[in-house]
Protein backbone atom coordinates (compact mmCIF):
# COMPACT_ATOMS: atom_id res chain seq x y z
CA MET A 1 -123.67 9.48 53.79
CA GLN A 2 -121.37 7.33 51.71
CA CYS A 3 -117.62 7.07 51.92
CA GLY A 4 -115.99 9.55 49.55
CA ALA A 5 -119.15 11.63 49.16
CA LYS A 6 -118.92 15.33 48.30
CA CYS A 7 -121.43 18.14 48.12
CA PHE A 8 -122.55 19.19 44.64
CA VAL A 9 -124.78 22.08 43.59
CA VAL A 10 -127.07 21.10 40.72
CA GLU A 11 -128.64 23.94 38.74
CA VAL A 12 -131.94 22.88 37.16
CA GLU A 13 -134.83 24.40 35.26
CA HIS A 14 -138.21 23.22 36.59
CA ASN A 15 -141.53 24.71 35.40
CA GLY A 16 -139.72 27.69 33.87
CA GLU A 17 -137.86 28.49 37.10
CA LYS A 18 -134.15 28.05 37.72
CA LYS A 19 -133.30 26.37 41.02
CA ARG A 20 -130.09 25.35 42.77
CA ILE A 21 -130.30 22.06 44.62
CA PRO A 22 -127.55 20.88 47.00
CA VAL A 23 -126.88 17.13 46.62
CA THR A 24 -124.50 14.82 48.48
CA ALA A 25 -123.03 12.25 46.08
CA ARG A 26 -119.79 10.51 45.15
CA SER A 27 -119.56 12.02 41.67
CA ALA A 28 -121.26 14.48 39.35
CA VAL A 29 -122.92 11.58 37.54
CA ASN A 30 -124.47 10.31 40.78
CA ALA A 31 -125.63 13.85 41.62
CA ARG A 32 -127.46 14.06 38.28
CA LYS A 33 -129.00 10.63 38.86
CA THR A 34 -130.22 11.64 42.32
CA VAL A 35 -131.92 14.77 40.97
CA ARG A 36 -133.58 12.86 38.13
CA LEU A 37 -134.94 10.25 40.54
CA LYS A 38 -136.28 12.90 42.92
CA TYR A 39 -137.96 15.06 40.26
CA GLU A 40 -139.00 12.20 37.94
CA GLU A 41 -136.98 13.46 34.96
CA ALA A 42 -139.31 16.49 34.64
CA VAL A 43 -136.35 18.85 35.09
CA LYS A 44 -133.69 20.05 32.70
CA ILE A 45 -130.27 19.89 34.34
CA ILE A 46 -128.21 22.94 33.40
CA SER A 47 -125.01 22.38 35.40
CA VAL A 48 -123.43 20.36 38.20
CA ARG A 49 -120.64 21.91 40.26
CA GLU A 50 -118.69 20.68 43.24
CA GLU A 51 -119.18 22.93 46.26
CA LYS A 52 -115.91 23.90 47.91
């Protein structure tokens, strides 16, 4: 875990299904990047929200 990291919930659409993926990242941009790297850009990112 990095210094200043927060928990984000990324809502994606993958194979016609909506999923919520928890991601630990420093910013919303890094959370999107992490999801794209994991799912090989085959997902459509709908929203990124900080979990409180």
